[in-house]
Amino acid sequence: MGKRGILITLEGIDGSGKSTHVRLLSEALRERGIPVVSTFEPGDTPLGAELRRILLRGDFSIAEQAELLLYMADRVQHVQEVILPALNKGVIVVCERYVDSTLVYQGYGRGVDKGFIEFLNEWVVDGCIPDLTIVLTLPVDLAFERMKSRDRDRMEQNDMAFFQRLKDGYDELLKKDNRNVVLVDATRKKQIVHMDVLKVVLSYLRKVGFIEG
């Protein structure tokens, strides 16, 4: 078996531009001849698509514990069907949302026990942890302003206090000594943010010997 791939996750509150920057980063890496699989949570498997519909588009209430377990069900399927096969082929995986989203949204946002969430995360990913996490950060009021122009899903319909707890949660990630987490200011123009994200990723790939130069 050749060298293992690299798992890069993009995180941040709603409105921070994760989908855009996963796409731009993946395109930029492919242009450089670097093999990439871009993916997202929840929803990038057949089972996950059904779970995403329930979690984000369902017009019924979901208990906090049920919500947590549905996200975990999506994740274990995602790891087994998409992420691990790509990593085993030596491919870079660029993923929008992963373990940190659940810790932040269900832990800091909903108030579910964070230790229990971390335990479940470790169980479902089975050692498949991010090599590099980029957190796109911006003030909550700007995030709300950006979300005004789109059809907001069930999670995005929470109030500003909820989103402030999410931002605080992502800020806490930077204090974890055992994680390679980089913060990128997402308040700026899209292309400037993209160049910063690309710079961080290329620097990391050179550092670990995945690419030369």
N, C-alpha and C. Protein backbone atom coordinates (compact mmCIF):
# COMPACT_ATOMS: atom_id res chain seq x y z
N MET A 1 0.85 -1.20 0.00
CA MET A 1 0.00 0.00 0.00
C MET A 1 0.89 1.24 0.00
N GLY A 2 0.51 2.25 -0.78
CA GLY A 2 1.27 3.49 -0.83
C GLY A 2 1.01 4.36 0.38
N LYS A 3 1.48 5.58 0.30
CA LYS A 3 1.31 6.47 1.44
C LYS A 3 -0.16 6.83 1.63
N ARG A 4 -0.52 7.05 2.90
CA ARG A 4 -1.88 7.41 3.23
C ARG A 4 -2.16 8.84 2.77
N GLY A 5 -3.41 9.10 2.46
CA GLY A 5 -3.80 10.44 2.07
C GLY A 5 -3.84 11.39 3.25
N ILE A 6 -4.31 12.59 3.01
CA ILE A 6 -4.40 13.64 4.02
C ILE A 6 -5.85 14.08 4.17
N LEU A 7 -6.32 14.17 5.41
CA LEU A 7 -7.68 14.63 5.68
C LEU A 7 -7.64 16.07 6.16
N ILE A 8 -8.23 16.96 5.36
CA ILE A 8 -8.31 18.39 5.68
C ILE A 8 -9.78 18.75 5.89
N THR A 9 -10.11 19.35 7.02
CA THR A 9 -11.48 19.74 7.28
C THR A 9 -11.60 21.25 7.35
N LEU A 10 -12.71 21.76 6.82
CA LEU A 10 -13.04 23.18 6.93
C LEU A 10 -14.24 23.32 7.84
N GLU A 11 -14.07 24.17 8.85
CA GLU A 11 -15.09 24.35 9.86
C GLU A 11 -15.45 25.83 9.99
N GLY A 12 -16.53 26.10 10.71
CA GLY A 12 -16.96 27.46 10.97
C GLY A 12 -18.47 27.53 11.08
N ILE A 13 -18.96 28.63 11.64
CA ILE A 13 -20.40 28.79 11.78
C ILE A 13 -21.05 28.99 10.41
N ASP A 14 -22.36 28.83 10.36
CA ASP A 14 -23.09 29.05 9.11
C ASP A 14 -22.83 30.47 8.61
N GLY A 15 -22.64 30.60 7.30
CA GLY A 15 -22.37 31.90 6.72
C GLY A 15 -20.89 32.23 6.57
N SER A 16 -20.03 31.33 7.04
CA SER A 16 -18.59 31.61 6.99
C SER A 16 -17.95 31.26 5.65
N GLY A 17 -18.68 30.57 4.77
CA GLY A 17 -18.16 30.30 3.44
C GLY A 17 -17.52 28.94 3.25
N LYS A 18 -17.87 27.98 4.07
CA LYS A 18 -17.23 26.66 4.01
C LYS A 18 -17.42 25.98 2.65
N SER A 19 -18.65 25.95 2.15
CA SER A 19 -18.91 25.28 0.87
C SER A 19 -18.09 25.91 -0.24
N THR A 20 -18.06 27.23 -0.27
CA THR A 20 -17.30 27.95 -1.30
C THR A 20 -15.83 27.61 -1.23
N HIS A 21 -15.27 27.60 -0.03
CA HIS A 21 -13.82 27.41 0.09
C HIS A 21 -13.40 25.95 -0.02
N VAL A 22 -14.28 25.03 0.28
CA VAL A 22 -13.99 23.62 -0.06
C VAL A 22 -13.88 23.48 -1.57
N ARG A 23 -14.81 24.10 -2.28
CA ARG A 23 -14.78 24.01 -3.76
C ARG A 23 -13.55 24.70 -4.34
N LEU A 24 -13.27 25.92 -3.89
CA LEU A 24 -12.12 26.65 -4.43
C LEU A 24 -10.79 25.95 -4.10
N LEU A 25 -10.67 25.46 -2.89
CA LEU A 25 -9.45 24.76 -2.49
C LEU A 25 -9.27 23.48 -3.31
N SER A 26 -10.33 22.71 -3.47
CA SER A 26 -10.24 21.46 -4.23
C SER A 26 -9.85 21.74 -5.68
N GLU A 27 -10.45 22.77 -6.27
CA GLU A 27 -10.12 23.13 -7.65
C GLU A 27 -8.66 23.55 -7.77
N ALA A 28 -8.17 24.34 -6.82
CA ALA A 28 -6.79 24.82 -6.87
C ALA A 28 -5.80 23.68 -6.72
N LEU A 29 -6.11 22.71 -5.87
CA LEU A 29 -5.21 21.57 -5.70
C LEU A 29 -5.20 20.69 -6.96
N ARG A 30 -6.37 20.49 -7.54
CA ARG A 30 -6.44 19.68 -8.77
C ARG A 30 -5.66 20.34 -9.90
N GLU A 31 -5.73 21.67 -9.97
CA GLU A 31 -4.98 22.40 -11.00
C GLU A 31 -3.47 22.19 -10.86
N ARG A 32 -3.05 21.87 -9.66
CA ARG A 32 -1.63 21.60 -9.39
C ARG A 32 -1.29 20.12 -9.51
N GLY A 33 -2.24 19.33 -9.99
CA GLY A 33 -2.01 17.90 -10.19
C GLY A 33 -2.09 17.07 -8.92
N ILE A 34 -2.70 17.62 -7.89
CA ILE A 34 -2.81 16.92 -6.62
C ILE A 34 -4.18 16.23 -6.55
N PRO A 35 -4.22 14.92 -6.33
CA PRO A 35 -5.50 14.21 -6.30
C PRO A 35 -6.33 14.59 -5.08
N VAL A 36 -7.59 14.93 -5.32
CA VAL A 36 -8.46 15.43 -4.25
C VAL A 36 -9.85 14.81 -4.35
N VAL A 37 -10.40 14.46 -3.21
CA VAL A 37 -11.82 14.15 -3.08
C VAL A 37 -12.42 15.21 -2.17
N SER A 38 -13.42 15.95 -2.67
CA SER A 38 -14.12 16.94 -1.84
C SER A 38 -15.44 16.33 -1.38
N THR A 39 -15.77 16.57 -0.12
CA THR A 39 -16.95 15.95 0.45
C THR A 39 -17.51 16.85 1.54
N PHE A 40 -18.59 16.40 2.19
CA PHE A 40 -19.25 17.25 3.18
C PHE A 40 -20.07 16.40 4.14
N GLU A 41 -20.40 17.00 5.27
CA GLU A 41 -21.33 16.41 6.23
C GLU A 41 -22.37 17.45 6.63
N PRO A 42 -23.59 16.99 6.92
CA PRO A 42 -24.09 15.63 6.68
C PRO A 42 -24.57 15.47 5.25
N GLY A 43 -24.56 14.21 4.76
CA GLY A 43 -25.29 13.96 3.54
C GLY A 43 -24.58 13.38 2.34
N ASP A 44 -23.26 13.12 2.41
CA ASP A 44 -22.57 12.72 1.17
C ASP A 44 -22.47 11.21 0.99
N THR A 45 -23.50 10.50 1.42
CA THR A 45 -23.68 9.08 1.10
C THR A 45 -25.18 8.89 0.88
N PRO A 46 -25.61 7.78 0.29
CA PRO A 46 -27.05 7.57 0.13
C PRO A 46 -27.81 7.62 1.46
N LEU A 47 -27.26 6.96 2.49
CA LEU A 47 -27.89 7.04 3.80
C LEU A 47 -27.82 8.46 4.34
N GLY A 48 -26.66 9.09 4.17
CA GLY A 48 -26.48 10.44 4.68
C GLY A 48 -27.44 11.44 4.06
N ALA A 49 -27.77 11.26 2.79
CA ALA A 49 -28.70 12.18 2.12
C ALA A 49 -30.07 12.14 2.79
N GLU A 50 -30.50 10.95 3.19
CA GLU A 50 -31.78 10.83 3.90
C GLU A 50 -31.69 11.45 5.28
N LEU A 51 -30.57 11.22 5.96
CA LEU A 51 -30.40 11.80 7.29
C LEU A 51 -30.33 13.33 7.22
N ARG A 52 -29.67 13.86 6.19
CA ARG A 52 -29.59 15.31 6.03
C ARG A 52 -30.98 15.92 5.85
N ARG A 53 -31.80 15.26 5.06
CA ARG A 53 -33.15 15.75 4.85
C ARG A 53 -33.90 15.81 6.18
N ILE A 54 -33.75 14.78 6.99
CA ILE A 54 -34.42 14.75 8.29
C ILE A 54 -33.87 15.82 9.21
N LEU A 55 -32.55 15.94 9.25
CA LEU A 55 -31.90 16.86 10.20
C LEU A 55 -32.10 18.32 9.85
N LEU A 56 -32.04 18.65 8.57
CA LEU A 56 -32.03 20.06 8.18
C LEU A 56 -33.32 20.53 7.56
N ARG A 57 -34.14 19.62 7.01
CA ARG A 57 -35.36 20.04 6.31
C ARG A 57 -36.63 19.53 6.96
N GLY A 58 -36.51 18.68 7.96
CA GLY A 58 -37.70 18.15 8.60
C GLY A 58 -38.49 19.23 9.31
N ASP A 59 -39.82 19.19 9.20
CA ASP A 59 -40.67 20.20 9.81
C ASP A 59 -41.24 19.70 11.13
N PHE A 60 -40.43 18.93 11.86
CA PHE A 60 -40.84 18.37 13.15
C PHE A 60 -39.69 18.55 14.13
N SER A 61 -40.00 18.48 15.41
CA SER A 61 -38.96 18.64 16.42
C SER A 61 -38.14 17.36 16.55
N ILE A 62 -36.87 17.53 16.89
CA ILE A 62 -35.96 16.40 17.11
C ILE A 62 -35.31 16.58 18.47
N ALA A 63 -35.41 15.59 19.32
CA ALA A 63 -34.77 15.66 20.64
C ALA A 63 -33.26 15.81 20.47
N GLU A 64 -32.63 16.52 21.39
CA GLU A 64 -31.20 16.79 21.27
C GLU A 64 -30.37 15.51 21.17
N GLN A 65 -30.74 14.49 21.97
CA GLN A 65 -29.99 13.24 21.92
C GLN A 65 -30.18 12.53 20.58
N ALA A 66 -31.40 12.59 20.05
CA ALA A 66 -31.67 11.98 18.75
C ALA A 66 -30.90 12.69 17.65
N GLU A 67 -30.86 14.03 17.72
CA GLU A 67 -30.12 14.81 16.74
C GLU A 67 -28.65 14.41 16.74
N LEU A 68 -28.07 14.30 17.92
CA LEU A 68 -26.66 13.90 18.03
C LEU A 68 -26.42 12.53 17.39
N LEU A 69 -27.28 11.58 17.69
CA LEU A 69 -27.08 10.22 17.17
C LEU A 69 -27.29 10.15 15.67
N LEU A 70 -28.19 10.97 15.12
CA LEU A 70 -28.37 10.99 13.67
C LEU A 70 -27.12 11.53 12.98
N TYR A 71 -26.52 12.58 13.55
CA TYR A 71 -25.28 13.09 12.98
C TYR A 71 -24.17 12.04 13.05
N MET A 72 -24.12 11.30 14.14
CA MET A 72 -23.10 10.25 14.27
C MET A 72 -23.33 9.12 13.27
N ALA A 73 -24.59 8.79 13.02
CA ALA A 73 -24.89 7.76 12.03
C ALA A 73 -24.43 8.19 10.65
N ASP A 74 -24.68 9.46 10.32
CA ASP A 74 -24.18 10.00 9.06
C ASP A 74 -22.66 9.89 8.99
N ARG A 75 -21.99 10.22 10.09
CA ARG A 75 -20.52 10.26 10.08
C ARG A 75 -19.90 8.87 9.88
N VAL A 76 -20.39 7.89 10.60
CA VAL A 76 -19.78 6.57 10.48
C VAL A 76 -19.95 6.03 9.05
N GLN A 77 -21.10 6.30 8.43
CA GLN A 77 -21.31 5.87 7.04
C GLN A 77 -20.38 6.65 6.10
N HIS A 78 -20.23 7.93 6.38
CA HIS A 78 -19.37 8.80 5.57
C HIS A 78 -17.91 8.35 5.63
N VAL A 79 -17.44 8.05 6.83
CA VAL A 79 -16.06 7.59 7.00
C VAL A 79 -15.84 6.30 6.22
N GLN A 80 -16.76 5.35 6.37
CA GLN A 80 -16.57 4.04 5.77
C GLN A 80 -16.72 4.06 4.25
N GLU A 81 -17.64 4.89 3.72
CA GLU A 81 -17.92 4.88 2.28
C GLU A 81 -17.07 5.85 1.48
N VAL A 82 -16.71 6.97 2.09
CA VAL A 82 -16.06 8.05 1.33
C VAL A 82 -14.64 8.34 1.82
N ILE A 83 -14.50 8.68 3.09
CA ILE A 83 -13.24 9.22 3.57
C ILE A 83 -12.13 8.17 3.62
N LEU A 84 -12.36 7.06 4.30
CA LEU A 84 -11.30 6.04 4.43
C LEU A 84 -10.87 5.46 3.08
N PRO A 85 -11.81 5.12 2.19
CA PRO A 85 -11.36 4.61 0.88
C PRO A 85 -10.46 5.59 0.14
N ALA A 86 -10.79 6.88 0.21
CA ALA A 86 -9.95 7.88 -0.46
C ALA A 86 -8.59 8.00 0.20
N LEU A 87 -8.56 8.03 1.53
CA LEU A 87 -7.28 8.12 2.23
C LEU A 87 -6.40 6.90 1.95
N ASN A 88 -7.02 5.75 1.87
CA ASN A 88 -6.25 4.52 1.59
C ASN A 88 -5.67 4.50 0.19
N LYS A 89 -6.22 5.32 -0.71
CA LYS A 89 -5.69 5.44 -2.07
C LYS A 89 -4.63 6.55 -2.16
N GLY A 90 -4.33 7.19 -1.04
CA GLY A 90 -3.33 8.25 -1.04
C GLY A 90 -3.85 9.59 -1.51
N VAL A 91 -5.15 9.77 -1.45
CA VAL A 91 -5.79 10.99 -1.96
C VAL A 91 -5.98 12.00 -0.82
N ILE A 92 -5.95 13.28 -1.15
CA ILE A 92 -6.31 14.32 -0.18
C ILE A 92 -7.83 14.41 -0.13
N VAL A 93 -8.37 14.40 1.08
CA VAL A 93 -9.80 14.57 1.28
C VAL A 93 -10.02 15.94 1.90
N VAL A 94 -10.83 16.76 1.22
CA VAL A 94 -11.20 18.08 1.74
C VAL A 94 -12.67 17.99 2.14
N CYS A 95 -12.92 18.12 3.43
CA CYS A 95 -14.26 17.85 3.96
C CYS A 95 -14.86 19.09 4.63
N GLU A 96 -16.07 19.43 4.20
CA GLU A 96 -16.82 20.51 4.85
C GLU A 96 -17.57 19.93 6.04
N ARG A 97 -17.14 20.32 7.22
CA ARG A 97 -17.66 19.84 8.50
C ARG A 97 -17.19 18.42 8.79
N TYR A 98 -16.93 18.18 10.08
CA TYR A 98 -16.55 16.83 10.51
C TYR A 98 -16.76 16.77 12.02
N VAL A 99 -15.86 16.14 12.74
CA VAL A 99 -16.06 15.91 14.17
C VAL A 99 -16.25 17.19 14.97
N ASP A 100 -15.56 18.26 14.58
CA ASP A 100 -15.65 19.51 15.34
C ASP A 100 -17.03 20.14 15.24
N SER A 101 -17.70 19.97 14.10
CA SER A 101 -19.05 20.53 13.97
C SER A 101 -19.99 19.95 15.01
N THR A 102 -19.90 18.63 15.23
CA THR A 102 -20.78 18.01 16.21
C THR A 102 -20.45 18.47 17.62
N LEU A 103 -19.17 18.55 17.93
CA LEU A 103 -18.77 19.02 19.25
C LEU A 103 -19.28 20.45 19.49
N VAL A 104 -19.15 21.30 18.47
CA VAL A 104 -19.54 22.70 18.62
C VAL A 104 -21.06 22.87 18.60
N TYR A 105 -21.73 22.29 17.60
CA TYR A 105 -23.17 22.51 17.46
C TYR A 105 -23.99 21.79 18.54
N GLN A 106 -23.68 20.53 18.77
CA GLN A 106 -24.46 19.80 19.77
C GLN A 106 -23.92 20.01 21.18
N GLY A 107 -22.61 20.22 21.31
CA GLY A 107 -22.02 20.44 22.63
C GLY A 107 -22.20 21.86 23.11
N TYR A 108 -21.55 22.80 22.44
CA TYR A 108 -21.66 24.21 22.83
C TYR A 108 -23.04 24.79 22.51
N GLY A 109 -23.57 24.43 21.35
CA GLY A 109 -24.86 24.99 20.94
C GLY A 109 -26.04 24.42 21.70
N ARG A 110 -26.16 23.09 21.72
CA ARG A 110 -27.32 22.45 22.35
C ARG A 110 -27.11 22.15 23.84
N GLY A 111 -25.85 22.11 24.27
CA GLY A 111 -25.60 21.83 25.67
C GLY A 111 -25.47 20.36 26.01
N VAL A 112 -25.32 19.48 25.00
CA VAL A 112 -25.10 18.06 25.24
C VAL A 112 -23.69 17.88 25.82
N ASP A 113 -23.53 16.90 26.68
CA ASP A 113 -22.25 16.67 27.34
C ASP A 113 -21.11 16.51 26.33
N LYS A 114 -20.11 17.38 26.43
CA LYS A 114 -19.02 17.40 25.45
C LYS A 114 -18.16 16.15 25.53
N GLY A 115 -17.94 15.66 26.74
CA GLY A 115 -17.16 14.44 26.89
C GLY A 115 -17.80 13.25 26.19
N PHE A 116 -19.13 13.17 26.28
CA PHE A 116 -19.85 12.08 25.62
C PHE A 116 -19.75 12.22 24.10
N ILE A 117 -19.85 13.46 23.60
CA ILE A 117 -19.72 13.69 22.17
C ILE A 117 -18.33 13.28 21.69
N GLU A 118 -17.30 13.64 22.43
CA GLU A 118 -15.94 13.27 22.05
C GLU A 118 -15.76 11.76 22.05
N PHE A 119 -16.37 11.08 23.02
CA PHE A 119 -16.34 9.62 23.07
C PHE A 119 -16.98 9.03 21.82
N LEU A 120 -18.17 9.53 21.45
CA LEU A 120 -18.85 9.02 20.26
C LEU A 120 -18.05 9.31 19.00
N ASN A 121 -17.50 10.52 18.92
CA ASN A 121 -16.68 10.86 17.75
C ASN A 121 -15.53 9.88 17.59
N GLU A 122 -14.83 9.61 18.66
CA GLU A 122 -13.70 8.68 18.60
C GLU A 122 -14.15 7.30 18.15
N TRP A 123 -15.31 6.88 18.61
CA TRP A 123 -15.82 5.55 18.27
C TRP A 123 -16.19 5.46 16.80
N VAL A 124 -16.90 6.46 16.27
CA VAL A 124 -17.41 6.34 14.91
C VAL A 124 -16.32 6.57 13.86
N VAL A 125 -15.30 7.40 14.15
CA VAL A 125 -14.28 7.66 13.12
C VAL A 125 -13.17 6.62 13.16
N ASP A 126 -13.05 5.88 14.26
CA ASP A 126 -12.11 4.77 14.35
C ASP A 126 -10.69 5.17 13.92
N GLY A 127 -10.19 6.26 14.48
CA GLY A 127 -8.83 6.71 14.20
C GLY A 127 -8.69 7.64 13.01
N CYS A 128 -9.78 7.89 12.30
CA CYS A 128 -9.72 8.75 11.11
C CYS A 128 -9.94 10.21 11.52
N ILE A 129 -8.89 10.81 12.10
CA ILE A 129 -8.99 12.17 12.60
C ILE A 129 -8.37 13.15 11.60
N PRO A 130 -8.77 14.41 11.63
CA PRO A 130 -8.23 15.38 10.66
C PRO A 130 -6.73 15.59 10.85
N ASP A 131 -6.01 15.67 9.73
CA ASP A 131 -4.60 16.05 9.78
C ASP A 131 -4.46 17.56 9.91
N LEU A 132 -5.38 18.30 9.32
CA LEU A 132 -5.37 19.76 9.35
C LEU A 132 -6.81 20.25 9.36
N THR A 133 -7.11 21.17 10.27
CA THR A 133 -8.43 21.78 10.33
C THR A 133 -8.29 23.28 10.16
N ILE A 134 -9.05 23.83 9.23
CA ILE A 134 -9.10 25.28 9.02
C ILE A 134 -10.45 25.78 9.49
N VAL A 135 -10.43 26.71 10.42
CA VAL A 135 -11.66 27.32 10.93
C VAL A 135 -11.82 28.69 10.30
N LEU A 136 -12.90 28.85 9.53
CA LEU A 136 -13.24 30.13 8.93
C LEU A 136 -14.04 30.93 9.96
N THR A 137 -13.50 32.05 10.39
CA THR A 137 -14.10 32.78 11.50
C THR A 137 -14.63 34.14 11.07
N LEU A 138 -15.76 34.51 11.64
CA LEU A 138 -16.34 35.82 11.40
C LEU A 138 -17.33 36.12 12.52
N PRO A 139 -17.63 37.41 12.75
CA PRO A 139 -18.60 37.77 13.80
C PRO A 139 -19.99 37.22 13.50
N VAL A 140 -20.73 36.98 14.56
CA VAL A 140 -22.06 36.39 14.41
C VAL A 140 -23.00 37.32 13.63
N ASP A 141 -22.90 38.63 13.86
CA ASP A 141 -23.82 39.53 13.16
C ASP A 141 -23.57 39.52 11.65
N LEU A 142 -22.32 39.36 11.24
CA LEU A 142 -22.02 39.27 9.81
C LEU A 142 -22.52 37.95 9.23
N ALA A 143 -22.41 36.88 10.01
CA ALA A 143 -22.94 35.59 9.56
C ALA A 143 -24.44 35.69 9.32
N PHE A 144 -25.15 36.33 10.22
CA PHE A 144 -26.59 36.50 10.07
C PHE A 144 -26.91 37.34 8.83
N GLU A 145 -26.11 38.35 8.58
CA GLU A 145 -26.32 39.20 7.42
C GLU A 145 -26.17 38.40 6.13
N ARG A 146 -25.17 37.53 6.08
CA ARG A 146 -24.94 36.71 4.90
C ARG A 146 -26.07 35.69 4.69
N MET A 147 -26.65 35.19 5.79
CA MET A 147 -27.69 34.16 5.67
C MET A 147 -29.04 34.73 5.26
N LYS A 148 -29.18 36.05 5.30
CA LYS A 148 -30.46 36.67 4.93
C LYS A 148 -30.86 36.38 3.49
N SER A 149 -29.87 36.18 2.64
CA SER A 149 -30.13 36.05 1.20
C SER A 149 -30.42 34.62 0.78
N ARG A 150 -30.54 33.69 1.73
CA ARG A 150 -30.77 32.30 1.34
C ARG A 150 -31.87 31.67 2.19
N ASP A 151 -32.37 30.55 1.70
CA ASP A 151 -33.38 29.78 2.41
C ASP A 151 -32.71 29.07 3.57
N ARG A 152 -32.98 29.49 4.79
CA ARG A 152 -32.26 28.97 5.95
C ARG A 152 -32.83 27.64 6.40
N ASP A 153 -31.94 26.67 6.64
CA ASP A 153 -32.38 25.35 7.08
C ASP A 153 -32.69 25.38 8.58
N ARG A 154 -33.07 24.22 9.12
CA ARG A 154 -33.52 24.14 10.51
C ARG A 154 -32.45 24.62 11.48
N MET A 155 -31.18 24.28 11.23
CA MET A 155 -30.11 24.68 12.12
C MET A 155 -29.85 26.18 12.03
N GLU A 156 -29.95 26.72 10.83
CA GLU A 156 -29.67 28.14 10.61
C GLU A 156 -30.75 29.05 11.19
N GLN A 157 -31.89 28.46 11.56
CA GLN A 157 -32.99 29.26 12.09
C GLN A 157 -32.86 29.53 13.59
N ASN A 158 -31.77 29.05 14.22
CA ASN A 158 -31.54 29.34 15.63
C ASN A 158 -31.22 30.83 15.83
N ASP A 159 -31.32 31.29 17.08
CA ASP A 159 -31.13 32.71 17.34
C ASP A 159 -29.65 33.08 17.46
N MET A 160 -29.39 34.37 17.64
CA MET A 160 -28.02 34.87 17.67
C MET A 160 -27.24 34.34 18.87
N ALA A 161 -27.91 34.13 19.99
CA ALA A 161 -27.23 33.60 21.17
C ALA A 161 -26.69 32.19 20.90
N PHE A 162 -27.46 31.39 20.16
CA PHE A 162 -27.01 30.05 19.79
C PHE A 162 -25.74 30.14 18.96
N PHE A 163 -25.74 31.04 17.98
CA PHE A 163 -24.58 31.16 17.10
C PHE A 163 -23.37 31.76 17.83
N GLN A 164 -23.61 32.57 18.83
CA GLN A 164 -22.48 33.07 19.62
C GLN A 164 -21.85 31.93 20.40
N ARG A 165 -22.65 31.01 20.89
CA ARG A 165 -22.09 29.83 21.57
C ARG A 165 -21.27 28.99 20.60
N LEU A 166 -21.73 28.90 19.35
CA LEU A 166 -20.97 28.16 18.34
C LEU A 166 -19.62 28.82 18.09
N LYS A 167 -19.61 30.13 17.93
CA LYS A 167 -18.36 30.84 17.70
C LYS A 167 -17.40 30.63 18.87
N ASP A 168 -17.93 30.70 20.09
CA ASP A 168 -17.10 30.47 21.28
C ASP A 168 -16.52 29.05 21.26
N GLY A 169 -17.32 28.10 20.79
CA GLY A 169 -16.86 26.72 20.71
C GLY A 169 -15.71 26.56 19.73
N TYR A 170 -15.85 27.19 18.56
CA TYR A 170 -14.76 27.11 17.58
C TYR A 170 -13.51 27.80 18.10
N ASP A 171 -13.67 28.89 18.84
CA ASP A 171 -12.50 29.56 19.42
C ASP A 171 -11.76 28.64 20.38
N GLU A 172 -12.51 27.78 21.07
CA GLU A 172 -11.89 26.84 22.02
C GLU A 172 -11.02 25.81 21.31
N LEU A 173 -11.35 25.49 20.06
CA LEU A 173 -10.55 24.50 19.33
C LEU A 173 -9.09 24.92 19.23
N LEU A 174 -8.86 26.22 19.14
CA LEU A 174 -7.50 26.71 18.97
C LEU A 174 -6.65 26.48 20.21
N LYS A 175 -7.28 26.18 21.33
CA LYS A 175 -6.55 26.00 22.58
C LYS A 175 -6.16 24.54 22.82
N LYS A 176 -6.57 23.65 21.91
CA LYS A 176 -6.25 22.24 22.10
C LYS A 176 -4.85 21.95 21.56
N ASP A 177 -3.96 21.55 22.43
CA ASP A 177 -2.55 21.36 22.07
C ASP A 177 -2.33 20.22 21.08
N ASN A 178 -3.23 19.24 21.08
CA ASN A 178 -3.01 18.04 20.26
C ASN A 178 -3.65 18.13 18.89
N ARG A 179 -4.07 19.32 18.48
CA ARG A 179 -4.75 19.46 17.20
C ARG A 179 -4.05 20.50 16.32
N ASN A 180 -4.00 20.19 15.03
CA ASN A 180 -3.43 21.12 14.05
C ASN A 180 -4.57 21.96 13.49
N VAL A 181 -4.88 23.07 14.17
CA VAL A 181 -6.01 23.92 13.81
C VAL A 181 -5.50 25.31 13.45
N VAL A 182 -5.95 25.82 12.30
CA VAL A 182 -5.55 27.14 11.83
C VAL A 182 -6.80 27.99 11.63
N LEU A 183 -6.77 29.20 12.15
CA LEU A 183 -7.89 30.12 11.99
C LEU A 183 -7.65 31.03 10.80
N VAL A 184 -8.68 31.21 9.97
CA VAL A 184 -8.60 32.11 8.82
C VAL A 184 -9.75 33.11 8.91
N ASP A 185 -9.43 34.38 8.79
CA ASP A 185 -10.42 35.46 8.86
C ASP A 185 -11.31 35.42 7.61
N ALA A 186 -12.59 35.09 7.81
CA ALA A 186 -13.53 34.95 6.69
C ALA A 186 -14.35 36.20 6.43
N THR A 187 -13.98 37.32 7.06
CA THR A 187 -14.73 38.56 6.84
C THR A 187 -14.32 39.25 5.54
N ARG A 188 -13.21 38.84 4.96
CA ARG A 188 -12.65 39.53 3.81
C ARG A 188 -13.24 39.01 2.50
N LYS A 189 -12.81 39.58 1.39
CA LYS A 189 -13.29 39.15 0.08
C LYS A 189 -12.94 37.70 -0.18
N LYS A 190 -13.82 37.05 -0.92
CA LYS A 190 -13.71 35.60 -1.16
C LYS A 190 -12.33 35.20 -1.67
N GLN A 191 -11.79 35.91 -2.65
CA GLN A 191 -10.52 35.50 -3.24
C GLN A 191 -9.36 35.65 -2.26
N ILE A 192 -9.43 36.66 -1.40
CA ILE A 192 -8.37 36.84 -0.40
C ILE A 192 -8.41 35.70 0.61
N VAL A 193 -9.60 35.35 1.05
CA VAL A 193 -9.75 34.23 1.98
C VAL A 193 -9.24 32.95 1.32
N HIS A 194 -9.61 32.74 0.08
CA HIS A 194 -9.17 31.53 -0.64
C HIS A 194 -7.66 31.45 -0.70
N MET A 195 -6.99 32.54 -1.01
CA MET A 195 -5.54 32.51 -1.11
C MET A 195 -4.90 32.18 0.23
N ASP A 196 -5.50 32.67 1.32
CA ASP A 196 -4.98 32.33 2.65
C ASP A 196 -5.17 30.84 2.94
N VAL A 197 -6.36 30.32 2.62
CA VAL A 197 -6.63 28.90 2.85
C VAL A 197 -5.65 28.04 2.03
N LEU A 198 -5.47 28.39 0.77
CA LEU A 198 -4.57 27.63 -0.09
C LEU A 198 -3.14 27.69 0.43
N LYS A 199 -2.72 28.86 0.88
CA LYS A 199 -1.37 29.01 1.43
C LYS A 199 -1.16 28.11 2.64
N VAL A 200 -2.13 28.06 3.53
CA VAL A 200 -2.04 27.19 4.71
C VAL A 200 -1.93 25.74 4.30
N VAL A 201 -2.75 25.33 3.35
CA VAL A 201 -2.78 23.92 2.93
C VAL A 201 -1.48 23.53 2.22
N LEU A 202 -1.04 24.33 1.27
CA LEU A 202 0.21 24.01 0.56
C LEU A 202 1.39 23.97 1.50
N SER A 203 1.43 24.88 2.47
CA SER A 203 2.51 24.88 3.45
C SER A 203 2.50 23.59 4.26
N TYR A 204 1.32 23.14 4.65
CA TYR A 204 1.21 21.90 5.41
C TYR A 204 1.64 20.70 4.56
N LEU A 205 1.19 20.65 3.31
CA LEU A 205 1.52 19.51 2.45
C LEU A 205 3.02 19.43 2.20
N ARG A 206 3.68 20.58 2.08
CA ARG A 206 5.14 20.57 1.94
C ARG A 206 5.81 20.10 3.24
N LYS A 207 5.29 20.57 4.34
CA LYS A 207 5.87 20.24 5.64
C LYS A 207 5.87 18.73 5.89
N VAL A 208 4.78 18.06 5.51
CA VAL A 208 4.68 16.63 5.77
C VAL A 208 5.21 15.79 4.62
N GLY A 209 5.74 16.45 3.57
CA GLY A 209 6.33 15.74 2.46
C GLY A 209 5.36 15.17 1.45
N PHE A 210 4.10 15.66 1.48
CA PHE A 210 3.13 15.17 0.51
C PHE A 210 3.39 15.73 -0.88
N ILE A 211 3.89 16.98 -0.92
CA ILE A 211 4.30 17.59 -2.18
C ILE A 211 5.68 18.18 -1.98
N GLU A 212 6.37 18.46 -3.09
CA GLU A 212 7.70 19.04 -3.03
C GLU A 212 7.64 20.53 -3.30
N GLY A 213 8.76 21.19 -3.01
CA GLY A 213 8.90 22.61 -3.36
C GLY A 213 8.37 23.56 -2.34
